[in-house]
Each structure stands twice: as structure tokens, then as C-alpha cells.
């Protein structure tokens, strides 16, 4: 029996990406698909966020299946995720190699709301 397909939308700083993933897809596999699509190699600064059923913004765990997370997600179709900066380098001139990373980090700092507000 074929695996069930799940629709996913990932919002980045400049695009909305839509994917059809299998029910066995892990957070890491989805994240890898996103960074490959946007051409990002310095991936360790970024992650995927979602809003859970209680309204809390939560980071997608890369080792868990996305459909397991689906139980905790707002009931939306497609499933909604946001591509966000998770960590920031201490010394950008020494730690950042790719220009695309330099473009995405400052933008995400400016547009991302404070999680404490």
C-alpha cells in the first residue's frame, strides 16, 4: 500500500515553498529539501518553526517524523512551517562563507518577532 502524501508549505524570506511529503518523512528530510531548494549550504544557523495547537511557536525536531508533529500542529492544509534563523554567528566575517547566508541572517533578525513579546 502506498504511503499517504502530506502537503507542506514552508515560508522563507522571499518565497513560499510547497512540498508533498510522505508520511514517513522526518524533520531532517524536510529541512534538507528546503535548504537544497533555496541553495543554502551553511544550514546549521537555521531551522523550521511551526505554531502548535496551543499557539506556541515551536522548532521542528529533525529526528521526528513530520506526521507525528502534525498531531501537535494547527489543523491546516497544507501544514505550515517557517524557515527561520535559529542561531547567529559571533563573528560573521570569520564564520560565514556563503553570501546567501549573509543575506538571510540579517533579514530574519529584522522580520522575526521577539519570542518574549
PDB file of N, CA and C in Angstrom:
ATOM      1  N   UNK A   1       0.841  -1.180   0.000  1.00  0.00           N
ATOM      2  CA  UNK A   1       0.000   0.000   0.000  1.00  0.00           C
ATOM      3  C   UNK A   1       0.891   1.250   0.000  1.00  0.00           C
ATOM      4  N   UNK A   2       0.646   2.195  -0.914  1.00  0.00           N
ATOM      5  CA  UNK A   2       1.489   3.390  -0.975  1.00  0.00           C
ATOM      6  C   UNK A   2       1.314   4.274   0.255  1.00  0.00           C
ATOM      7  N   UNK A   3       2.415   4.971   0.585  1.00  0.00           N
ATOM      8  CA  UNK A   3       2.368   5.879   1.733  1.00  0.00           C
ATOM      9  C   UNK A   3       1.464   7.063   1.428  1.00  0.00           C
ATOM     10  N   UNK A   4       0.847   7.574   2.483  1.00  0.00           N
ATOM     11  CA  UNK A   4      -0.003   8.749   2.346  1.00  0.00           C
ATOM     12  C   UNK A   4       0.874   9.980   2.140  1.00  0.00           C
ATOM     13  N   UNK A   5       0.453  10.834   1.223  1.00  0.00           N
ATOM     14  CA  UNK A   5       1.171  12.070   0.949  1.00  0.00           C
ATOM     15  C   UNK A   5       0.567  13.204   1.779  1.00  0.00           C
ATOM     16  N   UNK A   6       1.432  14.081   2.297  1.00  0.00           N
ATOM     17  CA  UNK A   6       1.009  15.210   3.125  1.00  0.00           C
ATOM     18  C   UNK A   6       1.513  16.491   2.465  1.00  0.00           C
ATOM     19  N   UNK A   7       0.637  17.494   2.338  1.00  0.00           N
ATOM     20  CA  UNK A   7       1.038  18.780   1.761  1.00  0.00           C
ATOM     21  C   UNK A   7       1.653  19.664   2.831  1.00  0.00           C
ATOM     22  N   UNK A   8       2.776  20.303   2.479  1.00  0.00           N
ATOM     23  CA  UNK A   8       3.519  21.154   3.408  1.00  0.00           C
ATOM     24  C   UNK A   8       3.844  22.471   2.705  1.00  0.00           C
ATOM     25  N   UNK A   9       3.688  23.581   3.433  1.00  0.00           N
ATOM     26  CA  UNK A   9       4.109  24.890   2.925  1.00  0.00           C
ATOM     27  C   UNK A   9       5.154  25.446   3.876  1.00  0.00           C
ATOM     28  N   UNK A  10       6.293  25.854   3.315  1.00  0.00           N
ATOM     29  CA  UNK A  10       7.368  26.454   4.100  1.00  0.00           C
ATOM     30  C   UNK A  10       7.556  27.888   3.614  1.00  0.00           C
ATOM     31  N   UNK A  11       7.416  28.843   4.536  1.00  0.00           N
ATOM     32  CA  UNK A  11       7.591  30.247   4.206  1.00  0.00           C
ATOM     33  C   UNK A  11       9.027  30.655   4.510  1.00  0.00           C
ATOM     34  N   UNK A  12       9.724  31.142   3.482  1.00  0.00           N
ATOM     35  CA  UNK A  12      11.076  31.665   3.651  1.00  0.00           C
ATOM     36  C   UNK A  12      10.996  33.181   3.525  1.00  0.00           C
ATOM     37  N   UNK A  13      12.135  33.852   3.565  1.00  0.00           N
ATOM     38  CA  UNK A  13      12.124  35.309   3.490  1.00  0.00           C
ATOM     39  C   UNK A  13      11.645  35.829   2.144  1.00  0.00           C
ATOM     40  N   UNK A  14      11.776  35.035   1.100  1.00  0.00           N
ATOM     41  CA  UNK A  14      11.414  35.534  -0.218  1.00  0.00           C
ATOM     42  C   UNK A  14      10.530  34.602  -1.034  1.00  0.00           C
ATOM     43  N   UNK A  15      10.027  33.544  -0.418  1.00  0.00           N
ATOM     44  CA  UNK A  15       9.197  32.611  -1.178  1.00  0.00           C
ATOM     45  C   UNK A  15       8.352  31.744  -0.253  1.00  0.00           C
ATOM     46  N   UNK A  16       7.305  31.189  -0.834  1.00  0.00           N
ATOM     47  CA  UNK A  16       6.540  30.141  -0.163  1.00  0.00           C
ATOM     48  C   UNK A  16       6.776  28.868  -0.961  1.00  0.00           C
ATOM     49  N   UNK A  17       7.373  27.901  -0.311  1.00  0.00           N
ATOM     50  CA  UNK A  17       7.697  26.638  -0.961  1.00  0.00           C
ATOM     51  C   UNK A  17       6.644  25.614  -0.591  1.00  0.00           C
ATOM     52  N   UNK A  18       6.191  24.847  -1.564  1.00  0.00           N
ATOM     53  CA  UNK A  18       5.207  23.805  -1.290  1.00  0.00           C
ATOM     54  C   UNK A  18       5.795  22.459  -1.675  1.00  0.00           C
ATOM     55  N   UNK A  19       5.599  21.505  -0.786  1.00  0.00           N
ATOM     56  CA  UNK A  19       6.107  20.156  -0.999  1.00  0.00           C
ATOM     57  C   UNK A  19       5.003  19.154  -0.688  1.00  0.00           C
ATOM     58  N   UNK A  20       5.059  18.022  -1.347  1.00  0.00           N
ATOM     59  CA  UNK A  20       4.242  16.869  -0.980  1.00  0.00           C
ATOM     60  C   UNK A  20       5.221  15.867  -0.384  1.00  0.00           C
ATOM     61  N   UNK A  21       5.058  15.572   0.902  1.00  0.00           N
ATOM     62  CA  UNK A  21       5.980  14.654   1.572  1.00  0.00           C
ATOM     63  C   UNK A  21       5.251  13.371   1.941  1.00  0.00           C
ATOM     64  N   UNK A  22       6.018  12.334   2.162  1.00  0.00           N
ATOM     65  CA  UNK A  22       5.449  11.054   2.576  1.00  0.00           C
ATOM     66  C   UNK A  22       5.228  11.054   4.087  1.00  0.00           C
ATOM     67  N   UNK A  23       4.369  10.189   4.559  1.00  0.00           N
ATOM     68  CA  UNK A  23       4.075  10.135   5.995  1.00  0.00           C
ATOM     69  C   UNK A  23       5.293   9.710   6.815  1.00  0.00           C
ATOM     70  N   UNK A  24       6.282   9.104   6.181  1.00  0.00           N
ATOM     71  CA  UNK A  24       7.492   8.679   6.896  1.00  0.00           C
ATOM     72  C   UNK A  24       8.594   9.748   6.892  1.00  0.00           C
ATOM     73  N   UNK A  25       8.360  10.893   6.256  1.00  0.00           N
ATOM     74  CA  UNK A  25       9.373  11.944   6.144  1.00  0.00           C
ATOM     75  C   UNK A  25       9.704  12.526   7.513  1.00  0.00           C
ATOM     76  N   UNK A  26      11.001  12.629   7.798  1.00  0.00           N
ATOM     77  CA  UNK A  26      11.438  13.215   9.075  1.00  0.00           C
ATOM     78  C   UNK A  26      11.623  14.726   8.917  1.00  0.00           C
ATOM     79  N   UNK A  27      11.739  15.403  10.042  1.00  0.00           N
ATOM     80  CA  UNK A  27      12.016  16.830  10.029  1.00  0.00           C
ATOM     81  C   UNK A  27      13.306  17.131   9.289  1.00  0.00           C
ATOM     82  N   UNK A  28      14.313  16.287   9.451  1.00  0.00           N
ATOM     83  CA  UNK A  28      15.603  16.469   8.767  1.00  0.00           C
ATOM     84  C   UNK A  28      15.440  16.375   7.258  1.00  0.00           C
ATOM     85  N   UNK A  29      14.649  15.423   6.805  1.00  0.00           N
ATOM     86  CA  UNK A  29      14.440  15.269   5.368  1.00  0.00           C
ATOM     87  C   UNK A  29      13.711  16.482   4.786  1.00  0.00           C
ATOM     88  N   UNK A  30      12.717  16.992   5.495  1.00  0.00           N
ATOM     89  CA  UNK A  30      12.012  18.191   5.041  1.00  0.00           C
ATOM     90  C   UNK A  30      12.955  19.385   5.048  1.00  0.00           C
ATOM     91  N   UNK A  31      13.711  19.566   6.125  1.00  0.00           N
ATOM     92  CA  UNK A  31      14.665  20.668   6.230  1.00  0.00           C
ATOM     93  C   UNK A  31      15.692  20.595   5.097  1.00  0.00           C
ATOM     94  N   UNK A  32      16.224  19.395   4.833  1.00  0.00           N
ATOM     95  CA  UNK A  32      17.202  19.219   3.754  1.00  0.00           C
ATOM     96  C   UNK A  32      16.603  19.593   2.397  1.00  0.00           C
ATOM     97  N   UNK A  33      15.337  19.258   2.196  1.00  0.00           N
ATOM     98  CA  UNK A  33      14.664  19.593   0.947  1.00  0.00           C
ATOM     99  C   UNK A  33      14.527  21.113   0.799  1.00  0.00           C
ATOM    100  N   UNK A  34      14.226  21.790   1.898  1.00  0.00           N
ATOM    101  CA  UNK A  34      14.092  23.250   1.876  1.00  0.00           C
ATOM    102  C   UNK A  34      15.429  23.912   1.558  1.00  0.00           C
ATOM    103  N   UNK A  35      16.486  23.549   2.289  1.00  0.00           N
ATOM    104  CA  UNK A  35      17.781  24.215   2.077  1.00  0.00           C
ATOM    105  C   UNK A  35      18.361  23.897   0.698  1.00  0.00           C
ATOM    106  N   UNK A  36      18.071  22.723   0.182  1.00  0.00           N
ATOM    107  CA  UNK A  36      18.513  22.391  -1.172  1.00  0.00           C
ATOM    108  C   UNK A  36      17.775  23.262  -2.185  1.00  0.00           C
ATOM    109  N   UNK A  37      16.484  23.451  -1.973  1.00  0.00           N
ATOM    110  CA  UNK A  37      15.675  24.259  -2.885  1.00  0.00           C
ATOM    111  C   UNK A  37      16.138  25.714  -2.914  1.00  0.00           C
ATOM    112  N   UNK A  38      16.503  26.266  -1.762  1.00  0.00           N
ATOM    113  CA  UNK A  38      16.925  27.673  -1.726  1.00  0.00           C
ATOM    114  C   UNK A  38      18.428  27.843  -1.940  1.00  0.00           C
ATOM    115  N   UNK A  39      19.159  26.731  -2.057  1.00  0.00           N
ATOM    116  CA  UNK A  39      20.590  26.791  -2.368  1.00  0.00           C
ATOM    117  C   UNK A  39      21.465  27.197  -1.198  1.00  0.00           C
ATOM    118  N   UNK A  40      21.111  26.756  -0.011  1.00  0.00           N
ATOM    119  CA  UNK A  40      21.855  27.127   1.191  1.00  0.00           C
ATOM    120  C   UNK A  40      22.679  25.938   1.677  1.00  0.00           C
ATOM    121  N   UNK A  41      23.982  26.173   1.897  1.00  0.00           N
ATOM    122  CA  UNK A  41      24.849  25.103   2.394  1.00  0.00           C
ATOM    123  C   UNK A  41      25.196  25.273   3.864  1.00  0.00           C
ATOM    124  N   UNK A  42      25.213  26.495   4.353  1.00  0.00           N
ATOM    125  CA  UNK A  42      25.518  26.740   5.770  1.00  0.00           C
ATOM    126  C   UNK A  42      24.217  26.630   6.567  1.00  0.00           C
ATOM    127  N   UNK A  43      23.803  25.411   6.747  1.00  0.00           N
ATOM    128  CA  UNK A  43      22.462  25.149   7.259  1.00  0.00           C
ATOM    129  C   UNK A  43      22.355  25.198   8.781  1.00  0.00           C
ATOM    130  N   UNK A  44      23.479  25.144   9.476  1.00  0.00           N
ATOM    131  CA  UNK A  44      23.453  24.993  10.933  1.00  0.00           C
ATOM    132  C   UNK A  44      22.886  26.196  11.663  1.00  0.00           C
ATOM    133  N   UNK A  45      22.711  27.326  10.997  1.00  0.00           N
ATOM    134  CA  UNK A  45      22.148  28.511  11.648  1.00  0.00           C
ATOM    135  C   UNK A  45      20.622  28.536  11.598  1.00  0.00           C
ATOM    136  N   UNK A  46      20.018  27.628  10.854  1.00  0.00           N
ATOM    137  CA  UNK A  46      18.598  27.734  10.533  1.00  0.00           C
ATOM    138  C   UNK A  46      17.790  26.538  11.030  1.00  0.00           C
ATOM    139  N   UNK A  47      16.487  26.715  11.042  1.00  0.00           N
ATOM    140  CA  UNK A  47      15.577  25.654  11.428  1.00  0.00           C
ATOM    141  C   UNK A  47      14.186  25.950  10.892  1.00  0.00           C
ATOM    142  N   UNK A  48      13.265  25.030  11.155  1.00  0.00           N
ATOM    143  CA  UNK A  48      11.871  25.199  10.749  1.00  0.00           C
ATOM    144  C   UNK A  48      11.012  25.351  11.996  1.00  0.00           C
ATOM    145  N   UNK A  49      10.139  26.334  11.973  1.00  0.00           N
ATOM    146  CA  UNK A  49       9.233  26.578  13.094  1.00  0.00           C
ATOM    147  C   UNK A  49       7.800  26.292  12.673  1.00  0.00           C
ATOM    148  N   UNK A  50       6.984  25.960  13.670  1.00  0.00           N
ATOM    149  CA  UNK A  50       5.547  25.836  13.447  1.00  0.00           C
ATOM    150  C   UNK A  50       4.829  26.330  14.690  1.00  0.00           C
ATOM    151  N   UNK A  51       3.554  26.609  14.551  1.00  0.00           N
ATOM    152  CA  UNK A  51       2.736  27.023  15.683  1.00  0.00           C
ATOM    153  C   UNK A  51       1.904  25.828  16.115  1.00  0.00           C
ATOM    154  N   UNK A  52       2.017  25.447  17.393  1.00  0.00           N
ATOM    155  CA  UNK A  52       1.293  24.267  17.868  1.00  0.00           C
ATOM    156  C   UNK A  52      -0.167  24.610  18.167  1.00  0.00           C
ATOM    157  N   UNK A  53      -0.920  23.610  18.575  1.00  0.00           N
ATOM    158  CA  UNK A  53      -2.357  23.779  18.805  1.00  0.00           C
ATOM    159  C   UNK A  53      -2.666  24.744  19.940  1.00  0.00           C
ATOM    160  N   UNK A  54      -1.693  25.003  20.813  1.00  0.00           N
ATOM    161  CA  UNK A  54      -1.893  25.947  21.918  1.00  0.00           C
ATOM    162  C   UNK A  54      -1.423  27.355  21.554  1.00  0.00           C
ATOM    163  N   UNK A  55      -0.915  27.525  20.333  1.00  0.00           N
ATOM    164  CA  UNK A  55      -0.471  28.838  19.882  1.00  0.00           C
ATOM    165  C   UNK A  55       0.992  29.142  20.148  1.00  0.00           C
ATOM    166  N   UNK A  56       1.740  28.163  20.634  1.00  0.00           N
ATOM    167  CA  UNK A  56       3.169  28.362  20.899  1.00  0.00           C
ATOM    168  C   UNK A  56       3.989  28.090  19.641  1.00  0.00           C
ATOM    169  N   UNK A  57       4.975  28.951  19.399  1.00  0.00           N
ATOM    170  CA  UNK A  57       5.897  28.733  18.285  1.00  0.00           C
ATOM    171  C   UNK A  57       6.951  27.731  18.745  1.00  0.00           C
ATOM    172  N   UNK A  58       7.144  26.690  17.948  1.00  0.00           N
ATOM    173  CA  UNK A  58       7.997  25.566  18.322  1.00  0.00           C
ATOM    174  C   UNK A  58       8.935  25.215  17.170  1.00  0.00           C
ATOM    175  N   UNK A  59      10.148  24.802  17.500  1.00  0.00           N
ATOM    176  CA  UNK A  59      11.084  24.336  16.474  1.00  0.00           C
ATOM    177  C   UNK A  59      10.753  22.899  16.098  1.00  0.00           C
ATOM    178  N   UNK A  60      10.774  22.603  14.813  1.00  0.00           N
ATOM    179  CA  UNK A  60      10.581  21.245  14.329  1.00  0.00           C
ATOM    180  C   UNK A  60      11.789  20.407  14.726  1.00  0.00           C
ATOM    181  N   UNK A  61      11.538  19.275  15.361  1.00  0.00           N
ATOM    182  CA  UNK A  61      12.621  18.361  15.741  1.00  0.00           C
ATOM    183  C   UNK A  61      13.007  17.540  14.512  1.00  0.00           C
ATOM    184  N   UNK A  62      14.288  17.579  14.188  1.00  0.00           N
ATOM    185  CA  UNK A  62      14.750  16.956  12.954  1.00  0.00           C
ATOM    186  C   UNK A  62      14.694  15.438  12.986  1.00  0.00           C
ATOM    187  N   UNK A  63      14.724  14.849  14.173  1.00  0.00           N
ATOM    188  CA  UNK A  63      14.727  13.389  14.267  1.00  0.00           C
ATOM    189  C   UNK A  63      13.323  12.785  14.336  1.00  0.00           C
ATOM    190  N   UNK A  64      12.296  13.615  14.348  1.00  0.00           N
ATOM    191  CA  UNK A  64      10.909  13.132  14.435  1.00  0.00           C
ATOM    192  C   UNK A  64      10.245  13.167  13.066  1.00  0.00           C
ATOM    193  N   UNK A  65       9.293  12.280  12.860  1.00  0.00           N
ATOM    194  CA  UNK A  65       8.515  12.304  11.626  1.00  0.00           C
ATOM    195  C   UNK A  65       7.614  13.534  11.634  1.00  0.00           C
ATOM    196  N   UNK A  66       7.488  14.157  10.483  1.00  0.00           N
ATOM    197  CA  UNK A  66       6.654  15.354  10.369  1.00  0.00           C
ATOM    198  C   UNK A  66       5.205  15.025  10.703  1.00  0.00           C
ATOM    199  N   UNK A  67       4.732  13.835  10.350  1.00  0.00           N
ATOM    200  CA  UNK A  67       3.335  13.491  10.644  1.00  0.00           C
ATOM    201  C   UNK A  67       3.086  13.336  12.140  1.00  0.00           C
ATOM    202  N   UNK A  68       4.111  12.982  12.918  1.00  0.00           N
ATOM    203  CA  UNK A  68       3.955  12.929  14.376  1.00  0.00           C
ATOM    204  C   UNK A  68       3.807  14.346  14.903  1.00  0.00           C
ATOM    205  N   UNK A  69       4.593  15.259  14.355  1.00  0.00           N
ATOM    206  CA  UNK A  69       4.471  16.673  14.711  1.00  0.00           C
ATOM    207  C   UNK A  69       3.091  17.174  14.304  1.00  0.00           C
ATOM    208  N   UNK A  70       2.562  16.626  13.230  1.00  0.00           N
ATOM    209  CA  UNK A  70       1.258  17.020  12.713  1.00  0.00           C
ATOM    210  C   UNK A  70       0.175  16.943  13.786  1.00  0.00           C
ATOM    211  N   UNK A  71       0.303  16.021  14.728  1.00  0.00           N
ATOM    212  CA  UNK A  71      -0.677  15.891  15.807  1.00  0.00           C
ATOM    213  C   UNK A  71      -0.671  17.116  16.705  1.00  0.00           C
ATOM    214  N   UNK A  72       0.457  17.826  16.741  1.00  0.00           N
ATOM    215  CA  UNK A  72       0.617  18.996  17.589  1.00  0.00           C
ATOM    216  C   UNK A  72       0.456  20.307  16.808  1.00  0.00           C
ATOM    217  N   UNK A  73       0.332  20.194  15.485  1.00  0.00           N
ATOM    218  CA  UNK A  73       0.195  21.377  14.633  1.00  0.00           C
ATOM    219  C   UNK A  73      -1.247  21.847  14.583  1.00  0.00           C
ATOM    220  N   UNK A  74      -1.409  23.145  14.294  1.00  0.00           N
ATOM    221  CA  UNK A  74      -2.742  23.644  13.987  1.00  0.00           C
ATOM    222  C   UNK A  74      -3.263  22.828  12.815  1.00  0.00           C
ATOM    223  N   UNK A  75      -4.533  22.528  12.823  1.00  0.00           N
ATOM    224  CA  UNK A  75      -5.116  21.726  11.747  1.00  0.00           C
ATOM    225  C   UNK A  75      -5.303  22.589  10.504  1.00  0.00           C
ATOM    226  N   UNK A  76      -4.279  22.620   9.681  1.00  0.00           N
ATOM    227  CA  UNK A  76      -4.287  23.385   8.446  1.00  0.00           C
ATOM    228  C   UNK A  76      -3.814  22.491   7.316  1.00  0.00           C
ATOM    229  N   UNK A  77      -4.292  22.787   6.150  1.00  0.00           N
ATOM    230  CA  UNK A  77      -3.784  22.089   4.985  1.00  0.00           C
ATOM    231  C   UNK A  77      -3.474  23.142   3.933  1.00  0.00           C
ATOM    232  N   UNK A  78      -2.249  23.219   3.482  1.00  0.00           N
ATOM    233  CA  UNK A  78      -1.106  22.389   3.842  1.00  0.00           C
ATOM    234  C   UNK A  78      -0.568  22.730   5.237  1.00  0.00           C
ATOM    235  N   UNK A  79       0.245  21.828   5.771  1.00  0.00           N
ATOM    236  CA  UNK A  79       0.902  22.093   7.049  1.00  0.00           C
ATOM    237  C   UNK A  79       1.836  23.285   6.873  1.00  0.00           C
ATOM    238  N   UNK A  80       1.836  24.197   7.843  1.00  0.00           N
ATOM    239  CA  UNK A  80       2.576  25.452   7.720  1.00  0.00           C
ATOM    240  C   UNK A  80       3.851  25.436   8.570  1.00  0.00           C
ATOM    241  N   UNK A  81       4.972  25.754   7.936  1.00  0.00           N
ATOM    242  CA  UNK A  81       6.249  25.901   8.629  1.00  0.00           C
ATOM    243  C   UNK A  81       6.896  27.204   8.190  1.00  0.00           C
ATOM    244  N   UNK A  82       7.765  27.747   9.040  1.00  0.00           N
ATOM    245  CA  UNK A  82       8.526  28.947   8.699  1.00  0.00           C
ATOM    246  C   UNK A  82      10.008  28.618   8.795  1.00  0.00           C
ATOM    247  N   UNK A  83      10.755  29.027   7.790  1.00  0.00           N
ATOM    248  CA  UNK A  83      12.203  28.869   7.769  1.00  0.00           C
ATOM    249  C   UNK A  83      12.787  30.074   8.490  1.00  0.00           C
ATOM    250  N   UNK A  84      13.474  29.835   9.614  1.00  0.00           N
ATOM    251  CA  UNK A  84      13.958  30.932  10.453  1.00  0.00           C
ATOM    252  C   UNK A  84      15.395  30.695  10.904  1.00  0.00           C
ATOM    253  N   UNK A  85      16.065  31.781  11.263  1.00  0.00           N
ATOM    254  CA  UNK A  85      17.398  31.693  11.861  1.00  0.00           C
ATOM    255  C   UNK A  85      17.236  31.174  13.282  1.00  0.00           C
ATOM    256  N   UNK A  86      18.013  30.185  13.627  1.00  0.00           N
ATOM    257  CA  UNK A  86      17.949  29.574  14.953  1.00  0.00           C
ATOM    258  C   UNK A  86      19.132  30.018  15.810  1.00  0.00           C
ATOM    259  N   UNK A  87      20.271  30.220  15.169  1.00  0.00           N
ATOM    260  CA  UNK A  87      21.497  30.645  15.840  1.00  0.00           C
ATOM    261  C   UNK A  87      22.141  31.745  15.014  1.00  0.00           C
ATOM    262  N   UNK A  88      22.905  32.592  15.666  1.00  0.00           N
ATOM    263  CA  UNK A  88      23.595  33.668  14.973  1.00  0.00           C
ATOM    264  C   UNK A  88      25.091  33.559  15.257  1.00  0.00           C
ATOM    265  N   UNK A  89      25.933  33.737  14.238  1.00  0.00           N
ATOM    266  CA  UNK A  89      27.383  33.630  14.450  1.00  0.00           C
ATOM    267  C   UNK A  89      27.911  34.792  15.279  1.00  0.00           C
ATOM    268  N   UNK A  90      28.926  34.518  16.083  1.00  0.00           N
ATOM    269  CA  UNK A  90      29.549  35.577  16.880  1.00  0.00           C
ATOM    270  C   UNK A  90      30.361  36.512  15.997  1.00  0.00           C
ATOM    271  N   UNK A  91      31.091  35.953  15.047  1.00  0.00           N
ATOM    272  CA  UNK A  91      31.912  36.768  14.157  1.00  0.00           C
ATOM    273  C   UNK A  91      31.569  36.410  12.717  1.00  0.00           C
ATOM    274  N   UNK A  92      30.715  37.215  12.119  1.00  0.00           N
ATOM    275  CA  UNK A  92      30.226  36.940  10.773  1.00  0.00           C
ATOM    276  C   UNK A  92      31.363  36.853   9.767  1.00  0.00           C
ATOM    277  N   UNK A  93      32.353  37.715   9.879  1.00  0.00           N
ATOM    278  CA  UNK A  93      33.443  37.730   8.893  1.00  0.00           C
ATOM    279  C   UNK A  93      34.259  36.443   8.905  1.00  0.00           C
ATOM    280  N   UNK A  94      34.311  35.767  10.025  1.00  0.00           N
ATOM    281  CA  UNK A  94      35.090  34.528  10.115  1.00  0.00           C
ATOM    282  C   UNK A  94      34.248  33.270   9.934  1.00  0.00           C
ATOM    283  N   UNK A  95      32.967  33.345  10.276  1.00  0.00           N
ATOM    284  CA  UNK A  95      32.156  32.137  10.313  1.00  0.00           C
ATOM    285  C   UNK A  95      31.257  31.920   9.106  1.00  0.00           C
ATOM    286  N   UNK A  96      30.969  32.963   8.347  1.00  0.00           N
ATOM    287  CA  UNK A  96      30.070  32.839   7.208  1.00  0.00           C
ATOM    288  C   UNK A  96      30.884  32.736   5.924  1.00  0.00           C
ATOM    289  N   UNK A  97      30.557  31.746   5.118  1.00  0.00           N
ATOM    290  CA  UNK A  97      31.265  31.517   3.873  1.00  0.00           C
ATOM    291  C   UNK A  97      30.416  31.955   2.676  1.00  0.00           C
ATOM    292  N   UNK A  98      29.150  31.585   2.682  1.00  0.00           N
ATOM    293  CA  UNK A  98      28.262  31.829   1.557  1.00  0.00           C
ATOM    294  C   UNK A  98      27.572  33.182   1.655  1.00  0.00           C
ATOM    295  N   UNK A  99      27.507  33.921   0.549  1.00  0.00           N
ATOM    296  CA  UNK A  99      26.799  35.204   0.529  1.00  0.00           C
ATOM    297  C   UNK A  99      25.316  35.041   0.834  1.00  0.00           C
ATOM    298  N   UNK A 100      24.719  33.941   0.377  1.00  0.00           N
ATOM    299  CA  UNK A 100      23.288  33.739   0.605  1.00  0.00           C
ATOM    300  C   UNK A 100      22.980  33.662   2.105  1.00  0.00           C
ATOM    301  N   UNK A 101      23.903  33.156   2.893  1.00  0.00           N
ATOM    302  CA  UNK A 101      23.719  33.108   4.345  1.00  0.00           C
ATOM    303  C   UNK A 101      23.741  34.514   4.916  1.00  0.00           C
ATOM    304  N   UNK A 102      24.662  35.340   4.435  1.00  0.00           N
ATOM    305  CA  UNK A 102      24.740  36.729   4.892  1.00  0.00           C
ATOM    306  C   UNK A 102      23.464  37.489   4.581  1.00  0.00           C
ATOM    307  N   UNK A 103      22.838  37.175   3.472  1.00  0.00           N
ATOM    308  CA  UNK A 103      21.592  37.843   3.095  1.00  0.00           C
ATOM    309  C   UNK A 103      20.451  37.392   3.997  1.00  0.00           C
ATOM    310  N   UNK A 104      20.369  36.119   4.298  1.00  0.00           N
ATOM    311  CA  UNK A 104      19.237  35.584   5.053  1.00  0.00           C
ATOM    312  C   UNK A 104      19.294  35.890   6.548  1.00  0.00           C
ATOM    313  N   UNK A 105      20.460  35.834   7.157  1.00  0.00           N
ATOM    314  CA  UNK A 105      20.541  36.058   8.607  1.00  0.00           C
ATOM    315  C   UNK A 105      20.055  37.442   9.031  1.00  0.00           C
ATOM    316  N   UNK A 106      20.569  38.541   8.453  1.00  0.00           N
ATOM    317  CA  UNK A 106      20.088  39.858   8.896  1.00  0.00           C
ATOM    318  C   UNK A 106      18.603  40.053   8.635  1.00  0.00           C
ATOM    319  N   UNK A 107      18.114  39.557   7.514  1.00  0.00           N
ATOM    320  CA  UNK A 107      16.698  39.698   7.202  1.00  0.00           C
ATOM    321  C   UNK A 107      15.848  39.012   8.258  1.00  0.00           C
ATOM    322  N   UNK A 108      16.232  37.813   8.648  1.00  0.00           N
ATOM    323  CA  UNK A 108      15.453  37.074   9.632  1.00  0.00           C
ATOM    324  C   UNK A 108      15.526  37.720  11.004  1.00  0.00           C
ATOM    325  N   UNK A 109      16.615  38.394  11.303  1.00  0.00           N
ATOM    326  CA  UNK A 109      16.724  39.114  12.573  1.00  0.00           C
ATOM    327  C   UNK A 109      15.740  40.271  12.593  1.00  0.00           C
ATOM    328  N   UNK A 110      15.624  40.981  11.481  1.00  0.00           N
ATOM    329  CA  UNK A 110      14.766  42.162  11.406  1.00  0.00           C
ATOM    330  C   UNK A 110      13.291  41.799  11.386  1.00  0.00           C
ATOM    331  N   UNK A 111      12.903  40.773  10.621  1.00  0.00           N
ATOM    332  CA  UNK A 111      11.483  40.480  10.461  1.00  0.00           C
ATOM    333  C   UNK A 111      10.926  39.514  11.494  1.00  0.00           C
ATOM    334  N   UNK A 112      11.739  38.789  12.191  1.00  0.00           N
ATOM    335  CA  UNK A 112      11.242  37.822  13.163  1.00  0.00           C
ATOM    336  C   UNK A 112      10.804  38.535  14.431  1.00  0.00           C
ATOM    337  N   UNK A 113       9.564  38.255  14.877  1.00  0.00           N
ATOM    338  CA  UNK A 113       9.113  38.886  16.115  1.00  0.00           C
ATOM    339  C   UNK A 113       9.853  38.322  17.322  1.00  0.00           C
ATOM    340  N   UNK A 114       9.970  39.117  18.337  1.00  0.00           N
ATOM    341  CA  UNK A 114      10.611  38.680  19.573  1.00  0.00           C
ATOM    342  C   UNK A 114       9.769  37.584  20.207  1.00  0.00           C
ATOM    343  N   UNK A 115      10.347  36.438  20.533  1.00  0.00           N
ATOM    344  CA  UNK A 115       9.564  35.346  21.111  1.00  0.00           C
ATOM    345  C   UNK A 115       9.052  35.662  22.516  1.00  0.00           C
ATOM    346  N   UNK A 116       9.584  36.689  23.144  1.00  0.00           N
ATOM    347  CA  UNK A 116       9.165  37.033  24.501  1.00  0.00           C
ATOM    348  C   UNK A 116       8.030  38.043  24.524  1.00  0.00           C
ATOM    349  N   UNK A 117       7.701  38.617  23.362  1.00  0.00           N
ATOM    350  CA  UNK A 117       6.650  39.639  23.353  1.00  0.00           C
ATOM    351  C   UNK A 117       5.284  39.030  23.176  1.00  0.00           C
TER     352      UNK A 117
END
